[in-house]
Amino acid sequence: MALGDVGKRVSSSLAGVIKDAGDIVGTTMEITRENIVDGLRTARDVVTEASAQAGDAVAGAIHAACQAGAELTSTARGAVVGAMKGVGEVTTVTAATVGDTIRAAIKGASEAGGDVSKVARGAAEGAVEGAKSVGLKVEDIASSVPRGAIQGATEIGADIGAVVRNTVQGVTSGSKQAGGDVITAIQSTAHGSIKATAEVGGDLASAARNAVEGAIEGAKAIGVNAEEAASAAATGAVAAARDISEAAFSTVKNAVTGTISGIRVILKAPFKD
């Protein structure tokens, strides 16, 4: 998918500055925001074009980072925050817009030859950070973030499990930085990850286990209790599976039962044995 006008402008603006930027997140965020605002203010149908321009801008930022050899996680984080703020200055940011933006980030990374896992983590982190600034709560985007990431991964043939793991890590870090309830965010994201994986016919056991691994890794990185994080991810995954089918429930529960990454996973009621 070739970059559109907004994506090309963002890529061009970042090309000469991103690698040497002292603050990659802040630089990317501001350039992305400015170009989206300019693009939407001349759009014929702002509501219809918001998601497309946000996704195009984020893809453009990632293209620039790949070409310059800049750090991708920070670039994706800044681009998604900037996209959400830019759209929010002109119209309402919806959960669907956030999901479409995450999906575009994943696809943009693949097209530019970048590390999809790093982009998934950064984009998810940015989505949570940017939510507060546009009047959204983490629970408002808990389904759209993993859904966008998983849809993007499916379209490019990437490992869904790895994308889920990195998405959960990103949400965990983003929630901490945004001052939100990290444990609740983890549970909601794991829940959304299983539902989204089922929608694309993916491996539920892999997605569930990776969600727990991502929660553990993310929690350790920010100093949050890893046992609580693992329990939240496992409980969210099992709850989602229960709503899908009895077979899905059994598959996911078995996948998250026991010890994962050195942590004994304990399911919360009503799933606790």
C-alpha atoms as a PDB file:
ATOM      1  CA  MET A   1       0.000   0.000   0.000  1.00  0.00           C
ATOM      2  CA  ALA A   2       1.675   3.200  -1.194  1.00  0.00           C
ATOM      3  CA  LEU A   3       1.784   6.233   1.080  1.00  0.00           C
ATOM      4  CA  GLY A   4      -0.822   8.921   0.476  1.00  0.00           C
ATOM      5  CA  ASP A   5      -0.258  12.670   0.558  1.00  0.00           C
ATOM      6  CA  VAL A   6      -0.234  12.971   4.357  1.00  0.00           C
ATOM      7  CA  GLY A   7       2.034   9.962   4.764  1.00  0.00           C
ATOM      8  CA  LYS A   8       4.483  11.338   2.213  1.00  0.00           C
ATOM      9  CA  ARG A   9       4.568  14.716   3.957  1.00  0.00           C
ATOM     10  CA  VAL A  10       5.209  13.141   7.350  1.00  0.00           C
ATOM     11  CA  SER A  11       7.907  10.889   5.931  1.00  0.00           C
ATOM     12  CA  SER A  12       9.589  13.797   4.156  1.00  0.00           C
ATOM     13  CA  SER A  13       9.434  16.043   7.218  1.00  0.00           C
ATOM     14  CA  LEU A  14      10.956  13.386   9.467  1.00  0.00           C
ATOM     15  CA  ALA A  15      13.567  12.099   7.022  1.00  0.00           C
ATOM     16  CA  GLY A  16      16.211  14.661   7.862  1.00  0.00           C
ATOM     17  CA  VAL A  17      15.617  14.987  11.593  1.00  0.00           C
ATOM     18  CA  ILE A  18      14.415  11.739  13.138  1.00  0.00           C
ATOM     19  CA  LYS A  19      17.722   9.905  13.453  1.00  0.00           C
ATOM     20  CA  ASP A  20      19.436  12.777  15.277  1.00  0.00           C
ATOM     21  CA  ALA A  21      16.394  13.899  17.246  1.00  0.00           C
ATOM     22  CA  GLY A  22      17.085  14.086  20.954  1.00  0.00           C
ATOM     23  CA  ASP A  23      13.438  13.299  21.594  1.00  0.00           C
ATOM     24  CA  ILE A  24      12.198  10.890  18.919  1.00  0.00           C
ATOM     25  CA  VAL A  25       8.786  10.528  20.543  1.00  0.00           C
ATOM     26  CA  GLY A  26       8.192  14.273  20.829  1.00  0.00           C
ATOM     27  CA  THR A  27       9.552  15.105  17.376  1.00  0.00           C
ATOM     28  CA  THR A  28       7.523  12.398  15.665  1.00  0.00           C
ATOM     29  CA  MET A  29       4.410  13.282  17.627  1.00  0.00           C
ATOM     30  CA  GLU A  30       4.496  16.966  16.680  1.00  0.00           C
ATOM     31  CA  ILE A  31       5.245  16.447  12.983  1.00  0.00           C
ATOM     32  CA  THR A  32       2.534  13.794  12.707  1.00  0.00           C
ATOM     33  CA  ARG A  33       0.016  15.974  14.524  1.00  0.00           C
ATOM     34  CA  GLU A  34       0.695  19.044  12.388  1.00  0.00           C
ATOM     35  CA  ASN A  35       0.361  17.204   9.096  1.00  0.00           C
ATOM     36  CA  ILE A  36      -2.876  15.486  10.099  1.00  0.00           C
ATOM     37  CA  VAL A  37      -4.427  18.775  11.210  1.00  0.00           C
ATOM     38  CA  ASP A  38      -3.449  20.389   7.916  1.00  0.00           C
ATOM     39  CA  GLY A  39      -4.781  17.444   5.934  1.00  0.00           C
ATOM     40  CA  LEU A  40      -8.107  17.175   7.728  1.00  0.00           C
ATOM     41  CA  ARG A  41      -8.832  20.890   7.593  1.00  0.00           C
ATOM     42  CA  THR A  42      -8.967  20.670   3.808  1.00  0.00           C
ATOM     43  CA  ALA A  43     -10.766  17.321   3.686  1.00  0.00           C
ATOM     44  CA  ARG A  44     -14.194  17.115   2.066  1.00  0.00           C
ATOM     45  CA  ASP A  45     -15.478  14.651   4.658  1.00  0.00           C
ATOM     46  CA  VAL A  46     -13.487  14.874   7.871  1.00  0.00           C
ATOM     47  CA  VAL A  47     -15.259  11.988   9.618  1.00  0.00           C
ATOM     48  CA  THR A  48     -14.699   9.608   6.729  1.00  0.00           C
ATOM     49  CA  GLU A  49     -11.084  10.611   6.134  1.00  0.00           C
ATOM     50  CA  ALA A  50      -9.910  10.784   9.752  1.00  0.00           C
ATOM     51  CA  SER A  51      -8.959   7.121  10.086  1.00  0.00           C
ATOM     52  CA  ALA A  52      -7.348   6.954   6.661  1.00  0.00           C
ATOM     53  CA  GLN A  53      -5.218  10.058   7.218  1.00  0.00           C
ATOM     54  CA  ALA A  54      -4.209   8.969  10.724  1.00  0.00           C
ATOM     55  CA  GLY A  55      -3.094   5.589   9.436  1.00  0.00           C
ATOM     56  CA  ASP A  56      -1.308   7.115   6.461  1.00  0.00           C
ATOM     57  CA  ALA A  57       0.567   9.566   8.674  1.00  0.00           C
ATOM     58  CA  VAL A  58       1.714   6.854  11.076  1.00  0.00           C
ATOM     59  CA  ALA A  59       2.860   4.660   8.189  1.00  0.00           C
ATOM     60  CA  GLY A  60       4.801   7.636   6.810  1.00  0.00           C
ATOM     61  CA  ALA A  61       6.580   8.143  10.129  1.00  0.00           C
ATOM     62  CA  ILE A  62       7.558   4.488  10.273  1.00  0.00           C
ATOM     63  CA  HIS A  63       8.827   4.575   6.695  1.00  0.00           C
ATOM     64  CA  ALA A  64      11.040   7.540   7.601  1.00  0.00           C
ATOM     65  CA  ALA A  65      12.385   5.768  10.692  1.00  0.00           C
ATOM     66  CA  CYS A  66      13.194   2.615   8.738  1.00  0.00           C
ATOM     67  CA  GLN A  67      15.029   4.558   6.055  1.00  0.00           C
ATOM     68  CA  ALA A  68      17.012   6.547   8.606  1.00  0.00           C
ATOM     69  CA  GLY A  69      17.728   3.632  10.920  1.00  0.00           C
ATOM     70  CA  ALA A  70      15.934   5.354  13.791  1.00  0.00           C
ATOM     71  CA  GLU A  71      14.440   3.588  16.801  1.00  0.00           C
ATOM     72  CA  LEU A  72      11.091   2.100  15.771  1.00  0.00           C
ATOM     73  CA  THR A  73       9.332   1.620  19.102  1.00  0.00           C
ATOM     74  CA  SER A  74       9.698   5.308  19.989  1.00  0.00           C
ATOM     75  CA  THR A  75       8.755   6.372  16.464  1.00  0.00           C
ATOM     76  CA  ALA A  76       5.562   4.307  16.489  1.00  0.00           C
ATOM     77  CA  ARG A  77       4.667   5.568  19.949  1.00  0.00           C
ATOM     78  CA  GLY A  78       5.120   9.222  18.999  1.00  0.00           C
ATOM     79  CA  ALA A  79       3.354   8.818  15.657  1.00  0.00           C
ATOM     80  CA  VAL A  80       0.251   7.242  17.197  1.00  0.00           C
ATOM     81  CA  VAL A  81       0.025   9.877  19.939  1.00  0.00           C
ATOM     82  CA  GLY A  82       0.448  12.592  17.306  1.00  0.00           C
ATOM     83  CA  ALA A  83      -2.164  11.011  15.055  1.00  0.00           C
ATOM     84  CA  MET A  84      -4.708  10.854  17.849  1.00  0.00           C
ATOM     85  CA  LYS A  85      -4.028  14.442  18.913  1.00  0.00           C
ATOM     86  CA  GLY A  86      -4.184  15.679  15.319  1.00  0.00           C
ATOM     87  CA  VAL A  87      -7.502  14.003  14.624  1.00  0.00           C
ATOM     88  CA  GLY A  88      -8.789  15.198  17.999  1.00  0.00           C
ATOM     89  CA  GLU A  89      -8.105  18.831  17.096  1.00  0.00           C
ATOM     90  CA  VAL A  90     -10.428  18.615  14.110  1.00  0.00           C
ATOM     91  CA  THR A  91     -13.004  15.934  14.921  1.00  0.00           C
ATOM     92  CA  THR A  92     -13.832  13.170  17.406  1.00  0.00           C
ATOM     93  CA  VAL A  93     -11.366  10.328  17.862  1.00  0.00           C
ATOM     94  CA  THR A  94     -13.222   7.021  18.000  1.00  0.00           C
ATOM     95  CA  ALA A  95     -12.099   3.570  19.062  1.00  0.00           C
ATOM     96  CA  ALA A  96     -12.369   2.531  15.426  1.00  0.00           C
ATOM     97  CA  THR A  97      -9.948   5.291  14.432  1.00  0.00           C
ATOM     98  CA  VAL A  98      -7.459   4.034  17.010  1.00  0.00           C
ATOM     99  CA  GLY A  99      -7.771   0.470  15.742  1.00  0.00           C
ATOM    100  CA  ASP A 100      -7.302   1.523  12.126  1.00  0.00           C
ATOM    101  CA  THR A 101      -4.225   3.526  13.090  1.00  0.00           C
ATOM    102  CA  ILE A 102      -2.637   0.557  14.875  1.00  0.00           C
ATOM    103  CA  ARG A 103      -3.379  -1.660  11.872  1.00  0.00           C
ATOM    104  CA  ALA A 104      -1.737   0.862   9.535  1.00  0.00           C
ATOM    105  CA  ALA A 105       1.330   1.008  11.777  1.00  0.00           C
ATOM    106  CA  ILE A 106       1.776  -2.760  11.575  1.00  0.00           C
ATOM    107  CA  LYS A 107       1.357  -2.790   7.809  1.00  0.00           C
ATOM    108  CA  GLY A 108       3.642   0.225   7.407  1.00  0.00           C
ATOM    109  CA  ALA A 109       6.395  -1.540   9.337  1.00  0.00           C
ATOM    110  CA  SER A 110       6.143  -4.594   7.123  1.00  0.00           C
ATOM    111  CA  GLU A 111       6.174  -2.576   3.901  1.00  0.00           C
ATOM    112  CA  ALA A 112       9.230  -0.605   5.030  1.00  0.00           C
ATOM    113  CA  GLY A 113      11.104  -3.697   6.198  1.00  0.00           C
ATOM    114  CA  GLY A 114      10.888  -2.759   9.870  1.00  0.00           C
ATOM    115  CA  ASP A 115      10.506  -4.878  12.991  1.00  0.00           C
ATOM    116  CA  VAL A 116       6.754  -5.452  13.341  1.00  0.00           C
ATOM    117  CA  SER A 117       7.015  -6.472  17.001  1.00  0.00           C
ATOM    118  CA  LYS A 118       8.732  -3.208  17.974  1.00  0.00           C
ATOM    119  CA  VAL A 119       6.127  -1.203  16.097  1.00  0.00           C
ATOM    120  CA  ALA A 120       3.272  -3.146  17.707  1.00  0.00           C
ATOM    121  CA  ARG A 121       4.655  -2.378  21.158  1.00  0.00           C
ATOM    122  CA  GLY A 122       5.246   1.301  20.451  1.00  0.00           C
ATOM    123  CA  ALA A 123       1.910   1.799  18.712  1.00  0.00           C
ATOM    124  CA  ALA A 124      -0.016   0.205  21.578  1.00  0.00           C
ATOM    125  CA  GLU A 125       1.880   2.306  24.100  1.00  0.00           C
ATOM    126  CA  GLY A 126       1.102   5.448  22.120  1.00  0.00           C
ATOM    127  CA  ALA A 127      -2.576   4.575  21.843  1.00  0.00           C
ATOM    128  CA  VAL A 128      -2.944   4.340  25.607  1.00  0.00           C
ATOM    129  CA  GLU A 129      -0.921   7.504  26.204  1.00  0.00           C
ATOM    130  CA  GLY A 130      -2.875   9.429  23.590  1.00  0.00           C
ATOM    131  CA  ALA A 131      -6.285   8.271  24.770  1.00  0.00           C
ATOM    132  CA  LYS A 132      -6.509  10.654  27.714  1.00  0.00           C
ATOM    133  CA  SER A 133      -5.667  13.683  25.578  1.00  0.00           C
ATOM    134  CA  VAL A 134      -8.620  13.012  23.251  1.00  0.00           C
ATOM    135  CA  GLY A 135     -11.194  12.120  25.891  1.00  0.00           C
ATOM    136  CA  LEU A 136     -10.971   8.333  25.674  1.00  0.00           C
ATOM    137  CA  LYS A 137     -10.448   5.879  28.511  1.00  0.00           C
ATOM    138  CA  VAL A 138      -8.304   2.776  28.252  1.00  0.00           C
ATOM    139  CA  GLU A 139     -11.408   0.605  28.446  1.00  0.00           C
ATOM    140  CA  ASP A 140     -12.784   2.479  25.429  1.00  0.00           C
ATOM    141  CA  ILE A 141      -9.898   1.258  23.260  1.00  0.00           C
ATOM    142  CA  ALA A 142      -9.129  -2.055  24.982  1.00  0.00           C
ATOM    143  CA  SER A 143     -10.651  -4.034  22.117  1.00  0.00           C
ATOM    144  CA  SER A 144      -9.663  -1.793  19.223  1.00  0.00           C
ATOM    145  CA  VAL A 145      -5.916  -1.744  19.982  1.00  0.00           C
ATOM    146  CA  PRO A 146      -5.358  -5.531  19.857  1.00  0.00           C
ATOM    147  CA  ARG A 147      -7.908  -5.902  17.064  1.00  0.00           C
ATOM    148  CA  GLY A 148      -6.047  -3.402  14.887  1.00  0.00           C
ATOM    149  CA  ALA A 149      -2.715  -5.047  15.659  1.00  0.00           C
ATOM    150  CA  ILE A 150      -4.002  -8.541  14.950  1.00  0.00           C
ATOM    151  CA  GLN A 151      -5.775  -7.532  11.759  1.00  0.00           C
ATOM    152  CA  GLY A 152      -2.590  -5.887  10.545  1.00  0.00           C
ATOM    153  CA  ALA A 153      -0.518  -8.945  11.475  1.00  0.00           C
ATOM    154  CA  THR A 154      -2.933 -11.232   9.636  1.00  0.00           C
ATOM    155  CA  GLU A 155      -2.829  -9.122   6.479  1.00  0.00           C
ATOM    156  CA  ILE A 156       0.967  -9.258   6.300  1.00  0.00           C
ATOM    157  CA  GLY A 157       1.322 -12.857   7.464  1.00  0.00           C
ATOM    158  CA  ALA A 158       3.092 -11.982  10.718  1.00  0.00           C
ATOM    159  CA  ASP A 159       3.119 -14.098  13.881  1.00  0.00           C
ATOM    160  CA  ILE A 160      -0.070 -13.167  15.745  1.00  0.00           C
ATOM    161  CA  GLY A 161       1.284 -14.479  19.038  1.00  0.00           C
ATOM    162  CA  ALA A 162       4.335 -12.212  18.888  1.00  0.00           C
ATOM    163  CA  VAL A 163       2.179  -9.221  18.009  1.00  0.00           C
ATOM    164  CA  VAL A 164      -0.166  -9.968  20.926  1.00  0.00           C
ATOM    165  CA  ARG A 165       2.771 -10.230  23.334  1.00  0.00           C
ATOM    166  CA  ASN A 166       4.199  -6.901  22.250  1.00  0.00           C
ATOM    167  CA  THR A 167       0.801  -5.208  22.188  1.00  0.00           C
ATOM    168  CA  VAL A 168       0.164  -6.226  25.800  1.00  0.00           C
ATOM    169  CA  GLN A 169       3.627  -4.961  26.744  1.00  0.00           C
ATOM    170  CA  GLY A 170       2.888  -1.644  25.083  1.00  0.00           C
ATOM    171  CA  VAL A 171      -0.459  -1.247  26.804  1.00  0.00           C
ATOM    172  CA  THR A 172       1.155  -2.096  30.147  1.00  0.00           C
ATOM    173  CA  SER A 173       3.838   0.565  29.736  1.00  0.00           C
ATOM    174  CA  GLY A 174       1.432   3.118  28.299  1.00  0.00           C
ATOM    175  CA  SER A 175      -0.999   2.660  31.187  1.00  0.00           C
ATOM    176  CA  LYS A 176       1.762   3.240  33.724  1.00  0.00           C
ATOM    177  CA  GLN A 177       2.903   6.422  31.978  1.00  0.00           C
ATOM    178  CA  ALA A 178      -0.674   7.670  31.629  1.00  0.00           C
ATOM    179  CA  GLY A 179      -1.356   7.080  35.321  1.00  0.00           C
ATOM    180  CA  GLY A 180      -4.021   4.475  34.638  1.00  0.00           C
ATOM    181  CA  ASP A 181      -4.947   1.170  36.245  1.00  0.00           C
ATOM    182  CA  VAL A 182      -2.300  -1.113  34.759  1.00  0.00           C
ATOM    183  CA  ILE A 183      -3.840  -4.400  35.909  1.00  0.00           C
ATOM    184  CA  THR A 184      -7.270  -3.555  34.515  1.00  0.00           C
ATOM    185  CA  ALA A 185      -5.690  -2.449  31.235  1.00  0.00           C
ATOM    186  CA  ILE A 186      -3.835  -5.761  30.953  1.00  0.00           C
ATOM    187  CA  GLN A 187      -6.979  -7.791  31.570  1.00  0.00           C
ATOM    188  CA  SER A 188      -8.987  -5.791  29.041  1.00  0.00           C
ATOM    189  CA  THR A 189      -6.278  -6.037  26.386  1.00  0.00           C
ATOM    190  CA  ALA A 190      -5.894  -9.803  26.839  1.00  0.00           C
ATOM    191  CA  HIS A 191      -9.675 -10.120  26.526  1.00  0.00           C
ATOM    192  CA  GLY A 192      -9.662  -8.094  23.313  1.00  0.00           C
ATOM    193  CA  SER A 193      -6.699 -10.058  21.957  1.00  0.00           C
ATOM    194  CA  ILE A 194      -8.500 -13.393  22.212  1.00  0.00           C
ATOM    195  CA  LYS A 195     -11.657 -12.056  20.603  1.00  0.00           C
ATOM    196  CA  ALA A 196      -9.682 -10.498  17.762  1.00  0.00           C
ATOM    197  CA  THR A 197      -7.638 -13.675  17.260  1.00  0.00           C
ATOM    198  CA  ALA A 198     -10.836 -15.698  17.005  1.00  0.00           C
ATOM    199  CA  GLU A 199     -12.208 -13.250  14.430  1.00  0.00           C
ATOM    200  CA  VAL A 200      -9.285 -13.931  12.080  1.00  0.00           C
ATOM    201  CA  GLY A 201      -9.163 -17.672  12.780  1.00  0.00           C
ATOM    202  CA  GLY A 202      -5.857 -17.488  14.632  1.00  0.00           C
ATOM    203  CA  ASP A 203      -4.283 -19.800  17.204  1.00  0.00           C
ATOM    204  CA  LEU A 204      -6.078 -19.036  20.461  1.00  0.00           C
ATOM    205  CA  ALA A 205      -3.690 -21.005  22.648  1.00  0.00           C
ATOM    206  CA  SER A 206      -0.690 -19.113  21.268  1.00  0.00           C
ATOM    207  CA  ALA A 207      -2.427 -15.752  21.606  1.00  0.00           C
ATOM    208  CA  ALA A 208      -3.434 -16.476  25.212  1.00  0.00           C
ATOM    209  CA  ARG A 209       0.000 -17.640  26.307  1.00  0.00           C
ATOM    210  CA  ASN A 210       1.677 -14.710  24.575  1.00  0.00           C
ATOM    211  CA  ALA A 211      -0.725 -12.287  26.255  1.00  0.00           C
ATOM    212  CA  VAL A 212       0.357 -13.636  29.645  1.00  0.00           C
ATOM    213  CA  GLU A 213       4.043 -13.539  28.679  1.00  0.00           C
ATOM    214  CA  GLY A 214       3.653  -9.964  27.492  1.00  0.00           C
ATOM    215  CA  ALA A 215       1.933  -8.981  30.733  1.00  0.00           C
ATOM    216  CA  ILE A 216       4.728 -10.525  32.800  1.00  0.00           C
ATOM    217  CA  GLU A 217       7.500  -8.899  30.763  1.00  0.00           C
ATOM    218  CA  GLY A 218       5.706  -5.559  30.716  1.00  0.00           C
ATOM    219  CA  ALA A 219       5.010  -5.613  34.445  1.00  0.00           C
ATOM    220  CA  LYS A 220       8.601  -6.412  35.349  1.00  0.00           C
ATOM    221  CA  ALA A 221       9.833  -3.581  33.143  1.00  0.00           C
ATOM    222  CA  ILE A 222       7.772  -0.968  34.977  1.00  0.00           C
ATOM    223  CA  GLY A 223       7.939  -2.376  38.504  1.00  0.00           C
ATOM    224  CA  VAL A 224       4.407  -3.766  38.716  1.00  0.00           C
ATOM    225  CA  ASN A 225       3.652  -7.083  40.436  1.00  0.00           C
ATOM    226  CA  ALA A 226       4.222  -9.752  37.763  1.00  0.00           C
ATOM    227  CA  GLU A 227       1.958 -12.310  39.448  1.00  0.00           C
ATOM    228  CA  GLU A 228      -0.967  -9.886  39.413  1.00  0.00           C
ATOM    229  CA  ALA A 229      -0.264  -8.982  35.796  1.00  0.00           C
ATOM    230  CA  ALA A 230      -0.133 -12.642  34.739  1.00  0.00           C
ATOM    231  CA  SER A 231      -3.366 -13.379  36.586  1.00  0.00           C
ATOM    232  CA  ALA A 232      -5.113 -10.424  34.943  1.00  0.00           C
ATOM    233  CA  ALA A 233      -4.006 -11.413  31.445  1.00  0.00           C
ATOM    234  CA  ALA A 234      -4.980 -15.047  31.937  1.00  0.00           C
ATOM    235  CA  THR A 235      -8.362 -14.145  33.411  1.00  0.00           C
ATOM    236  CA  GLY A 236      -9.128 -11.715  30.590  1.00  0.00           C
ATOM    237  CA  ALA A 237      -8.155 -14.294  27.974  1.00  0.00           C
ATOM    238  CA  VAL A 238     -10.274 -17.040  29.522  1.00  0.00           C
ATOM    239  CA  ALA A 239     -13.272 -14.733  29.927  1.00  0.00           C
ATOM    240  CA  ALA A 240     -13.126 -13.855  26.236  1.00  0.00           C
ATOM    241  CA  ALA A 241     -12.784 -17.512  25.243  1.00  0.00           C
ATOM    242  CA  ARG A 242     -15.812 -18.446  27.323  1.00  0.00           C
ATOM    243  CA  ASP A 243     -17.884 -16.051  25.233  1.00  0.00           C
ATOM    244  CA  ILE A 244     -16.656 -17.678  22.004  1.00  0.00           C
ATOM    245  CA  SER A 245     -17.315 -21.385  22.567  1.00  0.00           C
ATOM    246  CA  GLU A 246     -16.805 -24.257  24.971  1.00  0.00           C
ATOM    247  CA  ALA A 247     -13.908 -25.513  22.866  1.00  0.00           C
ATOM    248  CA  ALA A 248     -12.244 -22.100  22.888  1.00  0.00           C
ATOM    249  CA  PHE A 249     -12.725 -21.853  26.636  1.00  0.00           C
ATOM    250  CA  SER A 250     -11.014 -25.208  27.197  1.00  0.00           C
ATOM    251  CA  THR A 251      -8.156 -24.389  24.789  1.00  0.00           C
ATOM    252  CA  VAL A 252      -7.382 -21.020  26.338  1.00  0.00           C
ATOM    253  CA  LYS A 253      -7.749 -22.146  29.932  1.00  0.00           C
ATOM    254  CA  ASN A 254      -5.329 -25.004  29.340  1.00  0.00           C
ATOM    255  CA  ALA A 255      -2.887 -22.638  27.630  1.00  0.00           C
ATOM    256  CA  VAL A 256      -2.672 -20.272  30.607  1.00  0.00           C
ATOM    257  CA  THR A 257      -2.822 -22.811  33.415  1.00  0.00           C
ATOM    258  CA  GLY A 258       0.396 -23.571  35.260  1.00  0.00           C
ATOM    259  CA  THR A 259       3.706 -21.704  35.232  1.00  0.00           C
ATOM    260  CA  ILE A 260       4.560 -19.230  32.469  1.00  0.00           C
ATOM    261  CA  SER A 261       7.890 -17.380  32.285  1.00  0.00           C
ATOM    262  CA  GLY A 262       8.671 -18.532  35.813  1.00  0.00           C
ATOM    263  CA  ILE A 263       5.404 -17.166  37.218  1.00  0.00           C
ATOM    264  CA  ARG A 264       2.657 -19.406  38.598  1.00  0.00           C
ATOM    265  CA  VAL A 265      -0.505 -18.158  36.916  1.00  0.00           C
ATOM    266  CA  ILE A 266      -3.601 -18.034  39.117  1.00  0.00           C
ATOM    267  CA  LEU A 267      -6.956 -17.414  37.464  1.00  0.00           C
ATOM    268  CA  LYS A 268      -9.411 -15.158  39.238  1.00  0.00           C
ATOM    269  CA  ALA A 269     -12.988 -16.186  40.009  1.00  0.00           C
ATOM    270  CA  PRO A 270     -15.121 -17.544  38.401  1.00  0.00           C
ATOM    271  CA  PHE A 271     -12.378 -19.452  36.586  1.00  0.00           C
ATOM    272  CA  LYS A 272     -10.187 -20.324  39.551  1.00  0.00           C
ATOM    273  CA  ASP A 273      -9.951 -24.074  40.084  1.00  0.00           C
END
